[in-house]
Amino acid sequence: MNISKRTAYILMASAAIMWGTSGVLTAAAIDNGATANQVAVYACVISAMILLPVIHLFDRPSLRLDRRDLPAMLLFATITGSMFSLAWYNCIDITSVTTAVILLYSYPSLVTVASVFLLKERLTTAKAIALPLTFIGCLLVSGAYDIDKIRLNLMGIGLGIYTALAATVYYLWTKRWLRKYSANTVALYMALLTVPGVILASNPAVTFGAALGLGAWGFIVLIAIVPSTVAFVISMVALKHIEASKASIVASLEPVSGVILAVVLIAERVDMLQVAGVVLVLMGVVILRLVRPEEDEELVETPPIK
C-alpha cells in the first residue's frame, strides 16, 4: 500500500499520541489493584487475541511468515516486546511515570546515531537541529529539572535504560522487516511471539494467581487496545514510508500527549518549563516537515512477500 509522506507522518504522530496514554492508564490500573507484571502480561495477551482474528478476516495474506525468519522474529519480539513491556510497566511502578518517560526518551538520540551507521541514512541539517530540540523538550516536559520529582533507584534506572535500548532496536529492526513483510504481518507476529516471553519472565504463578477487579481489567483492556494494538499497527504502516530516525523524533510527541492527558485526567500541574518543553518538541517536528530532503520526494513500494 502506497501512502504519502504527509500521511505517514500523521500516522506516526497519531501513534505517538496513543502511546502517550500508556503511563496514565498503567498508573490507573496499578491504583486499581493490578501489579505491573499483570498489566504487561494481560495487555500483551489481549492485544494478540485482537490482532489474530482481525488480520485473519481482513488481511489473510499477512498471516504468511517464512519459517526461516521465525527465530529472528522471536528474538525481535522478545527484546522489543516481552522484555520491553515488563521493563516499562515495572519502571512506572517502582519509580514514576515521569522517570520512566525521561529514561525511555533517550532513545531518539540512539536511533538517529545508529540509523546513520547501520541503515546508511544521511545525518541532515534538519535532523541535527530537530534532535536536540526534541530531546531537551522531552526532558523539560517530563520535569527532569525538578529533583523532587525524580525518584530514581538502581533497578528503576536499569529498567528505564533498557526501554530506551529496546526502542532503538525496535525502530531499526522494524525497517528491515518491512522490506519483506507487510505492516500487518510484523504487527501480528510481534504480538503473538511477545506472549510466551512476557509470561515466562513475569513469574506466572504469581501473575495468574492474583484476582483482579473490574476497574483494573478495564484499564488493562484500554492499554491493550489503544497503545498496544492500534498505535503499534499504524506505526508499522508509517515506518514503511519514513526514515527510522525521523519517525523516532516525531514519536517524541508521546511525552507531550502524556502531559496533556495527565493535566486533563488527573489534574497534574504543568509549570512554564514544561510548557517550554512542549514548544521545543513541536518545533522539532515542524522543522522535519518544513525541510524536505530529496529522499522524501519519492515513495518506493516495499517488495512483496516471497
C-alpha atoms as a PDB file:
ATOM      1  CA  MET A   1       0.000   0.000   0.000  1.00  0.00           C
ATOM      2  CA  ASN A   2       1.315   3.399  -1.013  1.00  0.00           C
ATOM      3  CA  ILE A   3       0.678   6.406   1.181  1.00  0.00           C
ATOM      4  CA  SER A   4       2.071   9.910   1.022  1.00  0.00           C
ATOM      5  CA  LYS A   5       4.845  11.143   3.262  1.00  0.00           C
ATOM      6  CA  ARG A   6       2.425  13.554   4.897  1.00  0.00           C
ATOM      7  CA  THR A   7       0.039  10.711   5.740  1.00  0.00           C
ATOM      8  CA  ALA A   8       2.921   8.643   7.120  1.00  0.00           C
ATOM      9  CA  TYR A   9       3.909  11.485   9.448  1.00  0.00           C
ATOM     10  CA  ILE A  10       0.293  11.914  10.568  1.00  0.00           C
ATOM     11  CA  LEU A  11       0.082   8.189  11.330  1.00  0.00           C
ATOM     12  CA  MET A  12       3.338   8.267  13.284  1.00  0.00           C
ATOM     13  CA  ALA A  13       2.182  11.301  15.273  1.00  0.00           C
ATOM     14  CA  SER A  14      -1.150   9.594  15.989  1.00  0.00           C
ATOM     15  CA  ALA A  15       0.664   6.503  17.230  1.00  0.00           C
ATOM     16  CA  ALA A  16       2.810   8.672  19.497  1.00  0.00           C
ATOM     17  CA  ILE A  17      -0.267  10.325  20.998  1.00  0.00           C
ATOM     18  CA  MET A  18      -1.833   6.915  21.611  1.00  0.00           C
ATOM     19  CA  TRP A  19       1.387   5.690  23.220  1.00  0.00           C
ATOM     20  CA  GLY A  20       1.177   8.729  25.451  1.00  0.00           C
ATOM     21  CA  THR A  21      -1.873   7.203  27.132  1.00  0.00           C
ATOM     22  CA  SER A  22       0.168   4.262  28.397  1.00  0.00           C
ATOM     23  CA  GLY A  23       1.585   5.918  31.506  1.00  0.00           C
ATOM     24  CA  VAL A  24      -1.731   7.308  32.790  1.00  0.00           C
ATOM     25  CA  LEU A  25      -3.604   4.078  32.040  1.00  0.00           C
ATOM     26  CA  THR A  26      -0.889   1.984  33.697  1.00  0.00           C
ATOM     27  CA  ALA A  27      -0.902   4.130  36.807  1.00  0.00           C
ATOM     28  CA  ALA A  28      -4.699   3.819  36.936  1.00  0.00           C
ATOM     29  CA  ALA A  29      -4.563   0.018  36.550  1.00  0.00           C
ATOM     30  CA  ILE A  30      -1.991  -0.264  39.346  1.00  0.00           C
ATOM     31  CA  ASP A  31      -4.056   2.073  41.550  1.00  0.00           C
ATOM     32  CA  ASN A  32      -6.961  -0.305  40.991  1.00  0.00           C
ATOM     33  CA  GLY A  33      -5.046  -3.292  42.299  1.00  0.00           C
ATOM     34  CA  ALA A  34      -3.095  -4.701  39.342  1.00  0.00           C
ATOM     35  CA  THR A  35       0.620  -5.409  39.501  1.00  0.00           C
ATOM     36  CA  ALA A  36       2.989  -4.139  36.824  1.00  0.00           C
ATOM     37  CA  ASN A  37       3.594  -7.712  35.639  1.00  0.00           C
ATOM     38  CA  GLN A  38      -0.136  -8.354  35.363  1.00  0.00           C
ATOM     39  CA  VAL A  39      -0.541  -5.233  33.240  1.00  0.00           C
ATOM     40  CA  ALA A  40       2.307  -6.348  30.968  1.00  0.00           C
ATOM     41  CA  VAL A  41       1.087  -9.940  30.572  1.00  0.00           C
ATOM     42  CA  TYR A  42      -2.632  -9.324  30.162  1.00  0.00           C
ATOM     43  CA  ALA A  43      -2.163  -6.346  27.828  1.00  0.00           C
ATOM     44  CA  CYS A  44       0.099  -8.429  25.561  1.00  0.00           C
ATOM     45  CA  VAL A  45      -2.277 -11.422  25.582  1.00  0.00           C
ATOM     46  CA  ILE A  46      -5.347  -9.295  24.831  1.00  0.00           C
ATOM     47  CA  SER A  47      -3.517  -7.444  22.049  1.00  0.00           C
ATOM     48  CA  ALA A  48      -2.582 -10.743  20.378  1.00  0.00           C
ATOM     49  CA  MET A  49      -6.165 -12.011  20.759  1.00  0.00           C
ATOM     50  CA  ILE A  50      -7.418  -8.899  18.972  1.00  0.00           C
ATOM     51  CA  LEU A  51      -4.907  -8.873  16.120  1.00  0.00           C
ATOM     52  CA  LEU A  52      -5.084 -12.551  15.108  1.00  0.00           C
ATOM     53  CA  PRO A  53      -8.808 -12.771  14.218  1.00  0.00           C
ATOM     54  CA  VAL A  54      -8.885  -9.265  12.714  1.00  0.00           C
ATOM     55  CA  ILE A  55      -5.964  -9.939  10.359  1.00  0.00           C
ATOM     56  CA  HIS A  56      -7.313 -13.416   9.593  1.00  0.00           C
ATOM     57  CA  LEU A  57     -10.624 -11.881   8.482  1.00  0.00           C
ATOM     58  CA  PHE A  58      -9.409  -8.801   6.627  1.00  0.00           C
ATOM     59  CA  ASP A  59      -5.826  -9.483   5.506  1.00  0.00           C
ATOM     60  CA  ARG A  60      -5.244 -13.223   5.332  1.00  0.00           C
ATOM     61  CA  PRO A  61      -2.084 -12.959   3.153  1.00  0.00           C
ATOM     62  CA  SER A  62      -0.401 -11.213   6.099  1.00  0.00           C
ATOM     63  CA  LEU A  63      -0.568 -14.486   8.051  1.00  0.00           C
ATOM     64  CA  ARG A  64       2.310 -15.788   5.937  1.00  0.00           C
ATOM     65  CA  LEU A  65       5.769 -15.857   7.521  1.00  0.00           C
ATOM     66  CA  ASP A  66       8.852 -17.578   6.138  1.00  0.00           C
ATOM     67  CA  ARG A  67       9.840 -20.298   8.596  1.00  0.00           C
ATOM     68  CA  ARG A  68      13.466 -19.258   8.216  1.00  0.00           C
ATOM     69  CA  ASP A  69      12.561 -15.876   9.710  1.00  0.00           C
ATOM     70  CA  LEU A  70      10.816 -17.321  12.769  1.00  0.00           C
ATOM     71  CA  PRO A  71      13.907 -17.495  15.060  1.00  0.00           C
ATOM     72  CA  ALA A  72      14.888 -13.903  14.246  1.00  0.00           C
ATOM     73  CA  MET A  73      11.288 -12.709  14.670  1.00  0.00           C
ATOM     74  CA  LEU A  74      11.091 -14.481  18.046  1.00  0.00           C
ATOM     75  CA  LEU A  75      14.290 -12.757  19.159  1.00  0.00           C
ATOM     76  CA  PHE A  76      12.920  -9.414  17.896  1.00  0.00           C
ATOM     77  CA  ALA A  77       9.649  -9.916  19.785  1.00  0.00           C
ATOM     78  CA  THR A  78      11.441 -10.949  22.971  1.00  0.00           C
ATOM     79  CA  ILE A  79      13.782  -7.947  23.008  1.00  0.00           C
ATOM     80  CA  THR A  80      11.368  -5.244  21.846  1.00  0.00           C
ATOM     81  CA  GLY A  81       8.102  -6.782  23.042  1.00  0.00           C
ATOM     82  CA  SER A  82       8.316  -9.127  26.024  1.00  0.00           C
ATOM     83  CA  MET A  83      11.216  -7.580  27.910  1.00  0.00           C
ATOM     84  CA  PHE A  84      10.309  -4.025  26.899  1.00  0.00           C
ATOM     85  CA  SER A  85       6.776  -4.432  28.297  1.00  0.00           C
ATOM     86  CA  LEU A  86       7.974  -5.802  31.619  1.00  0.00           C
ATOM     87  CA  ALA A  87      10.660  -3.117  31.905  1.00  0.00           C
ATOM     88  CA  TRP A  88       8.292  -0.269  31.004  1.00  0.00           C
ATOM     89  CA  TYR A  89       5.420  -1.166  33.329  1.00  0.00           C
ATOM     90  CA  ASN A  90       7.723  -2.032  36.233  1.00  0.00           C
ATOM     91  CA  CYS A  91       9.722   1.173  35.734  1.00  0.00           C
ATOM     92  CA  ILE A  92       6.477   3.160  36.044  1.00  0.00           C
ATOM     93  CA  ASP A  93       5.529   1.196  39.148  1.00  0.00           C
ATOM     94  CA  ILE A  94       8.764   1.395  41.119  1.00  0.00           C
ATOM     95  CA  THR A  95       9.810   4.897  40.096  1.00  0.00           C
ATOM     96  CA  SER A  96       7.190   7.155  38.479  1.00  0.00           C
ATOM     97  CA  VAL A  97       5.638   7.913  35.098  1.00  0.00           C
ATOM     98  CA  THR A  98       7.926  10.950  34.820  1.00  0.00           C
ATOM     99  CA  THR A  99      11.089   8.949  35.467  1.00  0.00           C
ATOM    100  CA  ALA A 100      10.059   6.209  33.042  1.00  0.00           C
ATOM    101  CA  VAL A 101       9.374   8.722  30.274  1.00  0.00           C
ATOM    102  CA  ILE A 102      12.687  10.543  30.815  1.00  0.00           C
ATOM    103  CA  LEU A 103      14.721   7.344  30.568  1.00  0.00           C
ATOM    104  CA  LEU A 104      12.777   5.966  27.620  1.00  0.00           C
ATOM    105  CA  TYR A 105      13.144   9.183  25.654  1.00  0.00           C
ATOM    106  CA  SER A 106      16.866   8.991  25.458  1.00  0.00           C
ATOM    107  CA  TYR A 107      16.249   6.639  22.524  1.00  0.00           C
ATOM    108  CA  PRO A 108      15.807   9.206  19.698  1.00  0.00           C
ATOM    109  CA  SER A 109      19.472  10.053  20.117  1.00  0.00           C
ATOM    110  CA  LEU A 110      20.382   6.380  19.878  1.00  0.00           C
ATOM    111  CA  VAL A 111      18.141   5.833  16.836  1.00  0.00           C
ATOM    112  CA  THR A 112      19.499   8.815  14.934  1.00  0.00           C
ATOM    113  CA  VAL A 113      23.121   7.846  15.510  1.00  0.00           C
ATOM    114  CA  ALA A 114      22.569   4.140  14.872  1.00  0.00           C
ATOM    115  CA  SER A 115      20.457   4.687  11.729  1.00  0.00           C
ATOM    116  CA  VAL A 116      23.263   6.724  10.163  1.00  0.00           C
ATOM    117  CA  PHE A 117      25.764   3.898  10.631  1.00  0.00           C
ATOM    118  CA  LEU A 118      23.524   0.824  10.294  1.00  0.00           C
ATOM    119  CA  LEU A 119      20.866   1.954   7.799  1.00  0.00           C
ATOM    120  CA  LYS A 120      23.127   4.362   5.886  1.00  0.00           C
ATOM    121  CA  GLU A 121      20.700   7.249   6.404  1.00  0.00           C
ATOM    122  CA  ARG A 122      22.027  10.785   5.977  1.00  0.00           C
ATOM    123  CA  LEU A 123      22.502  13.000   9.024  1.00  0.00           C
ATOM    124  CA  THR A 124      20.748  16.007   7.520  1.00  0.00           C
ATOM    125  CA  THR A 125      20.707  19.526   8.899  1.00  0.00           C
ATOM    126  CA  ALA A 126      17.046  19.095   9.822  1.00  0.00           C
ATOM    127  CA  LYS A 127      17.848  16.042  11.940  1.00  0.00           C
ATOM    128  CA  ALA A 128      20.820  17.741  13.554  1.00  0.00           C
ATOM    129  CA  ILE A 129      18.611  20.675  14.613  1.00  0.00           C
ATOM    130  CA  ALA A 130      15.459  18.732  15.473  1.00  0.00           C
ATOM    131  CA  LEU A 131      17.176  16.069  17.585  1.00  0.00           C
ATOM    132  CA  PRO A 132      18.474  18.288  20.408  1.00  0.00           C
ATOM    133  CA  LEU A 133      15.256  20.339  20.367  1.00  0.00           C
ATOM    134  CA  THR A 134      13.065  17.283  20.837  1.00  0.00           C
ATOM    135  CA  PHE A 135      15.382  15.616  23.362  1.00  0.00           C
ATOM    136  CA  ILE A 136      15.652  18.732  25.538  1.00  0.00           C
ATOM    137  CA  GLY A 137      11.926  19.300  25.096  1.00  0.00           C
ATOM    138  CA  CYS A 138      11.172  15.786  26.334  1.00  0.00           C
ATOM    139  CA  LEU A 139      13.314  16.356  29.411  1.00  0.00           C
ATOM    140  CA  LEU A 140      11.515  19.623  30.176  1.00  0.00           C
ATOM    141  CA  VAL A 141       8.068  18.143  29.568  1.00  0.00           C
ATOM    142  CA  SER A 142       8.909  15.277  31.911  1.00  0.00           C
ATOM    143  CA  GLY A 143      10.121  17.634  34.653  1.00  0.00           C
ATOM    144  CA  ALA A 144      13.685  16.325  34.722  1.00  0.00           C
ATOM    145  CA  TYR A 145      14.896  19.676  36.079  1.00  0.00           C
ATOM    146  CA  ASP A 146      12.994  19.194  39.355  1.00  0.00           C
ATOM    147  CA  ILE A 147      14.957  16.843  41.597  1.00  0.00           C
ATOM    148  CA  ASP A 148      11.981  16.464  43.928  1.00  0.00           C
ATOM    149  CA  LYS A 149      10.006  14.825  41.118  1.00  0.00           C
ATOM    150  CA  ILE A 150      12.668  12.260  40.296  1.00  0.00           C
ATOM    151  CA  ARG A 151      12.579   9.122  42.433  1.00  0.00           C
ATOM    152  CA  LEU A 152      15.370   7.067  40.980  1.00  0.00           C
ATOM    153  CA  ASN A 153      16.863   3.806  42.195  1.00  0.00           C
ATOM    154  CA  LEU A 154      19.269   1.399  40.562  1.00  0.00           C
ATOM    155  CA  MET A 155      16.619  -1.045  39.378  1.00  0.00           C
ATOM    156  CA  GLY A 156      14.430   1.746  38.033  1.00  0.00           C
ATOM    157  CA  ILE A 157      17.365   3.266  36.143  1.00  0.00           C
ATOM    158  CA  GLY A 158      18.288  -0.101  34.695  1.00  0.00           C
ATOM    159  CA  LEU A 159      14.740  -0.809  33.538  1.00  0.00           C
ATOM    160  CA  GLY A 160      14.391   2.660  32.030  1.00  0.00           C
ATOM    161  CA  ILE A 161      17.678   2.420  30.143  1.00  0.00           C
ATOM    162  CA  TYR A 162      16.595  -0.955  28.796  1.00  0.00           C
ATOM    163  CA  THR A 163      13.378   0.544  27.396  1.00  0.00           C
ATOM    164  CA  ALA A 164      15.473   3.115  25.514  1.00  0.00           C
ATOM    165  CA  LEU A 165      17.762   0.450  24.074  1.00  0.00           C
ATOM    166  CA  ALA A 166      14.810  -1.773  23.141  1.00  0.00           C
ATOM    167  CA  ALA A 167      13.048   1.147  21.449  1.00  0.00           C
ATOM    168  CA  THR A 168      16.191   1.764  19.395  1.00  0.00           C
ATOM    169  CA  VAL A 169      16.314  -1.875  18.300  1.00  0.00           C
ATOM    170  CA  TYR A 170      12.584  -1.732  17.500  1.00  0.00           C
ATOM    171  CA  TYR A 171      12.886   1.211  15.105  1.00  0.00           C
ATOM    172  CA  LEU A 172      15.988  -0.064  13.330  1.00  0.00           C
ATOM    173  CA  TRP A 173      14.995  -3.727  13.067  1.00  0.00           C
ATOM    174  CA  THR A 174      11.403  -2.941  12.029  1.00  0.00           C
ATOM    175  CA  LYS A 175      12.672  -1.049   8.987  1.00  0.00           C
ATOM    176  CA  ARG A 176      14.369  -4.248   7.847  1.00  0.00           C
ATOM    177  CA  TRP A 177      11.310  -6.446   8.457  1.00  0.00           C
ATOM    178  CA  LEU A 178       9.115  -4.065   6.469  1.00  0.00           C
ATOM    179  CA  ARG A 179      11.284  -4.535   3.384  1.00  0.00           C
ATOM    180  CA  LYS A 180       9.966  -8.090   3.158  1.00  0.00           C
ATOM    181  CA  TYR A 181       6.663  -8.186   5.050  1.00  0.00           C
ATOM    182  CA  SER A 182       3.548  -6.073   5.369  1.00  0.00           C
ATOM    183  CA  ALA A 183       2.954  -3.935   8.456  1.00  0.00           C
ATOM    184  CA  ASN A 184       0.163  -6.316   9.495  1.00  0.00           C
ATOM    185  CA  THR A 185       2.470  -9.337   9.318  1.00  0.00           C
ATOM    186  CA  VAL A 186       5.095  -7.706  11.516  1.00  0.00           C
ATOM    187  CA  ALA A 187       2.478  -6.435  13.971  1.00  0.00           C
ATOM    188  CA  LEU A 188       0.776  -9.833  14.218  1.00  0.00           C
ATOM    189  CA  TYR A 189       3.862 -11.954  14.776  1.00  0.00           C
ATOM    190  CA  MET A 190       5.345  -9.345  17.079  1.00  0.00           C
ATOM    191  CA  ALA A 191       2.185  -9.593  19.220  1.00  0.00           C
ATOM    192  CA  LEU A 192       1.969 -13.393  19.119  1.00  0.00           C
ATOM    193  CA  LEU A 193       5.642 -14.044  19.829  1.00  0.00           C
ATOM    194  CA  THR A 194       5.722 -11.480  22.636  1.00  0.00           C
ATOM    195  CA  VAL A 195       3.264 -13.522  24.704  1.00  0.00           C
ATOM    196  CA  PRO A 196       5.431 -16.570  25.631  1.00  0.00           C
ATOM    197  CA  GLY A 197       8.370 -14.446  26.741  1.00  0.00           C
ATOM    198  CA  VAL A 198       6.352 -11.990  28.810  1.00  0.00           C
ATOM    199  CA  ILE A 199       4.525 -14.849  30.576  1.00  0.00           C
ATOM    200  CA  LEU A 200       7.674 -16.839  31.347  1.00  0.00           C
ATOM    201  CA  ALA A 201       9.587 -13.780  32.593  1.00  0.00           C
ATOM    202  CA  SER A 202       6.762 -12.460  34.785  1.00  0.00           C
ATOM    203  CA  ASN A 203       6.602 -15.234  37.409  1.00  0.00           C
ATOM    204  CA  PRO A 204       3.370 -16.725  36.008  1.00  0.00           C
ATOM    205  CA  ALA A 205       2.299 -18.395  39.263  1.00  0.00           C
ATOM    206  CA  VAL A 206       2.075 -15.002  40.958  1.00  0.00           C
ATOM    207  CA  THR A 207       0.766 -13.148  37.918  1.00  0.00           C
ATOM    208  CA  PHE A 208      -2.132 -15.506  37.241  1.00  0.00           C
ATOM    209  CA  GLY A 209      -2.724 -16.371  40.881  1.00  0.00           C
ATOM    210  CA  ALA A 210      -3.998 -12.941  41.959  1.00  0.00           C
ATOM    211  CA  ALA A 211      -7.525 -11.913  41.032  1.00  0.00           C
ATOM    212  CA  LEU A 212      -8.238  -8.514  39.516  1.00  0.00           C
ATOM    213  CA  GLY A 213     -11.236  -6.230  39.939  1.00  0.00           C
ATOM    214  CA  LEU A 214     -13.331  -4.780  37.128  1.00  0.00           C
ATOM    215  CA  GLY A 215     -11.582  -1.408  37.387  1.00  0.00           C
ATOM    216  CA  ALA A 216      -8.135  -2.908  36.830  1.00  0.00           C
ATOM    217  CA  TRP A 217      -9.430  -5.048  33.968  1.00  0.00           C
ATOM    218  CA  GLY A 218     -10.991  -2.042  32.292  1.00  0.00           C
ATOM    219  CA  PHE A 219      -7.733  -0.083  32.238  1.00  0.00           C
ATOM    220  CA  ILE A 220      -5.730  -3.120  31.105  1.00  0.00           C
ATOM    221  CA  VAL A 221      -8.122  -3.659  28.176  1.00  0.00           C
ATOM    222  CA  LEU A 222      -7.727   0.005  27.211  1.00  0.00           C
ATOM    223  CA  ILE A 223      -3.933  -0.380  27.312  1.00  0.00           C
ATOM    224  CA  ALA A 224      -4.184  -3.484  25.116  1.00  0.00           C
ATOM    225  CA  ILE A 225      -6.394  -1.764  22.541  1.00  0.00           C
ATOM    226  CA  VAL A 226      -5.047   1.802  22.302  1.00  0.00           C
ATOM    227  CA  PRO A 227      -1.255   1.970  22.875  1.00  0.00           C
ATOM    228  CA  SER A 228      -0.510  -1.743  22.440  1.00  0.00           C
ATOM    229  CA  THR A 229      -2.537  -2.606  19.323  1.00  0.00           C
ATOM    230  CA  VAL A 230      -3.882   0.347  17.342  1.00  0.00           C
ATOM    231  CA  ALA A 231      -0.806   2.540  17.870  1.00  0.00           C
ATOM    232  CA  PHE A 232       1.522  -0.339  17.064  1.00  0.00           C
ATOM    233  CA  VAL A 233      -0.191  -1.176  13.762  1.00  0.00           C
ATOM    234  CA  ILE A 234      -0.317   2.378  12.449  1.00  0.00           C
ATOM    235  CA  SER A 235       3.301   2.967  13.474  1.00  0.00           C
ATOM    236  CA  MET A 236       4.238  -0.082  11.388  1.00  0.00           C
ATOM    237  CA  VAL A 237       2.493   1.423   8.367  1.00  0.00           C
ATOM    238  CA  ALA A 238       4.250   4.753   8.924  1.00  0.00           C
ATOM    239  CA  LEU A 239       7.683   3.156   9.259  1.00  0.00           C
ATOM    240  CA  LYS A 240       7.360   1.712   5.748  1.00  0.00           C
ATOM    241  CA  HIS A 241       7.436   5.225   4.324  1.00  0.00           C
ATOM    242  CA  ILE A 242       9.673   7.380   6.551  1.00  0.00           C
ATOM    243  CA  GLU A 243      13.188   7.067   7.906  1.00  0.00           C
ATOM    244  CA  ALA A 244      13.698   5.416  11.284  1.00  0.00           C
ATOM    245  CA  SER A 245      15.453   8.465  12.719  1.00  0.00           C
ATOM    246  CA  LYS A 246      12.694  10.852  11.606  1.00  0.00           C
ATOM    247  CA  ALA A 247       9.985   8.511  12.892  1.00  0.00           C
ATOM    248  CA  SER A 248      11.655   8.411  16.286  1.00  0.00           C
ATOM    249  CA  ILE A 249      11.716  12.207  16.503  1.00  0.00           C
ATOM    250  CA  VAL A 250       8.055  12.511  15.509  1.00  0.00           C
ATOM    251  CA  ALA A 251       7.285   9.893  18.157  1.00  0.00           C
ATOM    252  CA  SER A 252       8.621  12.385  20.705  1.00  0.00           C
ATOM    253  CA  LEU A 253       5.070  13.742  20.688  1.00  0.00           C
ATOM    254  CA  GLU A 254       4.355  10.906  23.124  1.00  0.00           C
ATOM    255  CA  PRO A 255       5.502  12.734  26.282  1.00  0.00           C
ATOM    256  CA  VAL A 256       3.671  15.864  25.127  1.00  0.00           C
ATOM    257  CA  SER A 257       0.406  13.949  24.861  1.00  0.00           C
ATOM    258  CA  GLY A 258       1.196  12.239  28.157  1.00  0.00           C
ATOM    259  CA  VAL A 259       1.476  15.597  29.931  1.00  0.00           C
ATOM    260  CA  ILE A 260      -1.746  16.877  28.376  1.00  0.00           C
ATOM    261  CA  LEU A 261      -3.599  13.726  29.404  1.00  0.00           C
ATOM    262  CA  ALA A 262      -2.174  13.955  32.911  1.00  0.00           C
ATOM    263  CA  VAL A 263      -3.373  17.559  33.204  1.00  0.00           C
ATOM    264  CA  VAL A 264      -6.836  16.777  31.857  1.00  0.00           C
ATOM    265  CA  LEU A 265      -7.439  13.426  33.549  1.00  0.00           C
ATOM    266  CA  ILE A 266      -5.625  13.641  36.868  1.00  0.00           C
ATOM    267  CA  ALA A 267      -5.272  17.417  37.265  1.00  0.00           C
ATOM    268  CA  GLU A 268      -1.476  17.329  37.244  1.00  0.00           C
ATOM    269  CA  ARG A 269       0.172  20.749  37.400  1.00  0.00           C
ATOM    270  CA  VAL A 270       2.286  21.896  34.451  1.00  0.00           C
ATOM    271  CA  ASP A 271       4.754  24.715  35.007  1.00  0.00           C
ATOM    272  CA  MET A 272       6.251  27.107  32.460  1.00  0.00           C
ATOM    273  CA  LEU A 273       9.363  24.984  31.850  1.00  0.00           C
ATOM    274  CA  GLN A 274       7.178  22.045  30.897  1.00  0.00           C
ATOM    275  CA  VAL A 275       5.221  24.299  28.540  1.00  0.00           C
ATOM    276  CA  ALA A 276       8.567  25.343  27.015  1.00  0.00           C
ATOM    277  CA  GLY A 277       9.342  21.654  26.530  1.00  0.00           C
ATOM    278  CA  VAL A 278       6.102  21.142  24.634  1.00  0.00           C
ATOM    279  CA  VAL A 279       7.034  24.043  22.345  1.00  0.00           C
ATOM    280  CA  LEU A 280      10.527  22.626  21.689  1.00  0.00           C
ATOM    281  CA  VAL A 281       9.147  19.196  20.761  1.00  0.00           C
ATOM    282  CA  LEU A 282       6.630  20.714  18.376  1.00  0.00           C
ATOM    283  CA  MET A 283       9.365  22.916  16.859  1.00  0.00           C
ATOM    284  CA  GLY A 284      11.444  19.818  16.161  1.00  0.00           C
ATOM    285  CA  VAL A 285       8.534  18.114  14.395  1.00  0.00           C
ATOM    286  CA  VAL A 286       7.765  21.243  12.342  1.00  0.00           C
ATOM    287  CA  ILE A 287      11.405  21.563  11.259  1.00  0.00           C
ATOM    288  CA  LEU A 288      11.343  17.998   9.951  1.00  0.00           C
ATOM    289  CA  ARG A 289       8.288  18.737   7.846  1.00  0.00           C
ATOM    290  CA  LEU A 290       9.422  22.121   6.514  1.00  0.00           C
ATOM    291  CA  VAL A 291      12.760  20.796   5.337  1.00  0.00           C
ATOM    292  CA  ARG A 292      12.075  18.304   2.539  1.00  0.00           C
ATOM    293  CA  PRO A 293      15.229  16.382   1.643  1.00  0.00           C
ATOM    294  CA  GLU A 294      15.460  14.568  -1.659  1.00  0.00           C
ATOM    295  CA  GLU A 295      14.797  11.178  -0.161  1.00  0.00           C
ATOM    296  CA  ASP A 296      11.346  12.374   0.884  1.00  0.00           C
ATOM    297  CA  GLU A 297      10.267  13.260  -2.642  1.00  0.00           C
ATOM    298  CA  GLU A 298       9.798   9.725  -3.909  1.00  0.00           C
ATOM    299  CA  LEU A 299       7.899   6.861  -2.368  1.00  0.00           C
ATOM    300  CA  VAL A 300       9.104   3.353  -3.184  1.00  0.00           C
ATOM    301  CA  GLU A 301       6.737   0.422  -2.761  1.00  0.00           C
ATOM    302  CA  THR A 302       8.125  -2.246  -0.424  1.00  0.00           C
ATOM    303  CA  PRO A 303       8.888  -5.594  -2.110  1.00  0.00           C
ATOM    304  CA  PRO A 304       6.193  -8.294  -1.981  1.00  0.00           C
ATOM    305  CA  ILE A 305       6.423 -11.283   0.333  1.00  0.00           C
ATOM    306  CA  LYS A 306       8.477 -14.023  -1.302  1.00  0.00           C
END
